[in-house]
Protein backbone atom coordinates (compact mmCIF):
# COMPACT_ATOMS: atom_id res chain seq x y z
CA UNK A 1 -0.01 -0.04 -0.25
CA UNK A 2 1.63 3.51 -0.99
CA UNK A 3 2.53 6.29 1.87
CA UNK A 4 -0.25 8.78 2.65
CA UNK A 5 1.27 12.27 2.58
CA UNK A 6 -1.38 13.77 4.62
CA UNK A 7 -1.48 14.86 8.44
CA UNK A 8 -3.05 12.30 10.43
CA UNK A 9 -5.22 13.35 13.61
CA UNK A 10 -4.24 13.18 16.65
CA UNK A 11 -0.40 14.31 15.27
CA UNK A 12 1.82 17.16 15.95
CA UNK A 13 -1.82 19.23 16.34
CA UNK A 14 -2.25 17.28 19.44
CA UNK A 15 0.68 17.96 20.93
CA UNK A 16 0.72 21.72 20.48
CA UNK A 17 -3.34 21.30 22.06
CA UNK A 18 -1.51 20.24 25.26
CA UNK A 19 1.04 22.93 25.23
CA UNK A 20 -1.64 25.28 24.87
CA UNK A 21 -3.45 23.88 27.70
CA UNK A 22 -0.29 23.71 30.08
CA UNK A 23 0.08 27.06 29.41
CA UNK A 24 -3.59 28.24 30.25
CA UNK A 25 -3.17 26.58 33.17
CA UNK A 26 0.36 28.19 34.39
CA UNK A 27 -1.68 31.66 33.67
CA UNK A 28 -4.79 30.26 35.69
CA UNK A 29 -5.76 33.02 37.94
CA UNK A 30 -7.95 32.96 40.71
CA UNK A 31 -9.97 35.39 42.98
CA UNK A 32 -9.48 35.12 47.43
CA UNK A 33 -10.75 37.30 50.14
CA UNK A 34 -8.08 38.55 52.77
CA UNK A 35 -8.96 40.61 55.49
CA UNK A 36 -12.51 42.07 53.85
CA UNK A 37 -10.74 42.70 50.10
CA UNK A 38 -10.77 40.78 47.18
CA UNK A 39 -7.69 39.94 45.57
CA UNK A 40 -6.72 38.62 42.02
CA UNK A 41 -4.39 35.87 42.41
CA UNK A 42 -2.31 34.64 39.86
CA UNK A 43 0.64 31.52 39.99
CA UNK A 44 3.71 32.32 38.14
CA UNK A 45 5.96 29.12 37.21
CA UNK A 46 9.85 29.19 37.86
CA UNK A 47 10.13 28.98 33.61
CA UNK A 48 7.93 32.47 33.34
CA UNK A 49 9.74 33.93 36.24
CA UNK A 50 12.19 36.42 34.01
CA UNK A 51 12.88 39.30 36.84
CA UNK A 52 13.71 39.68 40.34
CA UNK A 53 11.02 41.66 42.80
CA UNK A 54 10.76 42.30 46.69
CA UNK A 55 8.30 40.28 48.34
CA UNK A 56 6.04 42.51 50.40
CA UNK A 57 5.33 39.77 52.78
CA UNK A 58 8.65 39.44 53.81
CA UNK A 59 10.93 42.22 52.68
CA UNK A 60 13.02 39.78 50.76
CA UNK A 61 13.78 39.08 47.40
CA UNK A 62 11.88 36.78 44.98
CA UNK A 63 14.46 35.54 42.90
CA UNK A 64 14.35 35.38 38.89
CA UNK A 65 13.51 31.39 38.30
CA UNK A 66 11.43 31.16 41.55
CA UNK A 67 8.12 30.17 41.03
CA UNK A 68 5.78 32.73 43.11
CA UNK A 69 2.32 34.01 42.69
CA UNK A 70 1.02 37.90 41.71
CA UNK A 71 -1.70 39.46 43.63
CA UNK A 72 -3.39 42.80 43.11
CA UNK A 73 -6.75 44.26 44.09
CA UNK A 74 -10.50 42.96 42.32
CA UNK A 75 -12.20 45.66 44.00
CA UNK A 76 -10.17 48.55 44.40
CA UNK A 77 -11.80 51.89 44.50
CA UNK A 78 -9.43 53.95 42.01
CA UNK A 79 -9.96 51.38 39.35
CA UNK A 80 -9.00 47.67 37.31
CA UNK A 81 -5.87 49.71 35.69
CA UNK A 82 -4.87 51.46 38.68
CA UNK A 83 -5.18 47.99 41.12
CA UNK A 84 -3.24 46.08 38.16
CA UNK A 85 -0.35 48.46 38.20
CA UNK A 86 -0.05 48.36 41.82
CA UNK A 87 0.50 44.29 41.92
CA UNK A 88 2.83 42.63 43.78
CA UNK A 89 4.93 39.52 43.35
CA UNK A 90 4.81 37.08 46.77
CA UNK A 91 6.67 33.89 47.70
CA UNK A 92 4.02 31.23 47.49
CA UNK A 93 4.60 30.55 51.17
CA UNK A 94 4.28 34.41 52.17
CA UNK A 95 1.04 34.62 50.34
CA UNK A 96 -0.56 31.54 52.12
CA UNK A 97 0.60 32.68 55.61
CA UNK A 98 -0.18 36.36 55.32
């Protein structure tokens, strides 16, 4: 039987779909309520972490290449743009205990 040059279903397109899914899960954000304030919280994987930040919870560095979370107010009085500009990068542990 001669070989078919047509792409088959479930080939490379399926692999690409799985990587899109993992990118979606890595960028997944949620809301949390802390002390009566609603926050957007988004995890950042170690591969996505490109810069160094200062954690507001402990005052220490969040080094590049370290998995952490980014948090910003979801219900701030100045609006979404101001809340997003005021986002902070926290160590995951510091955010959990904070």
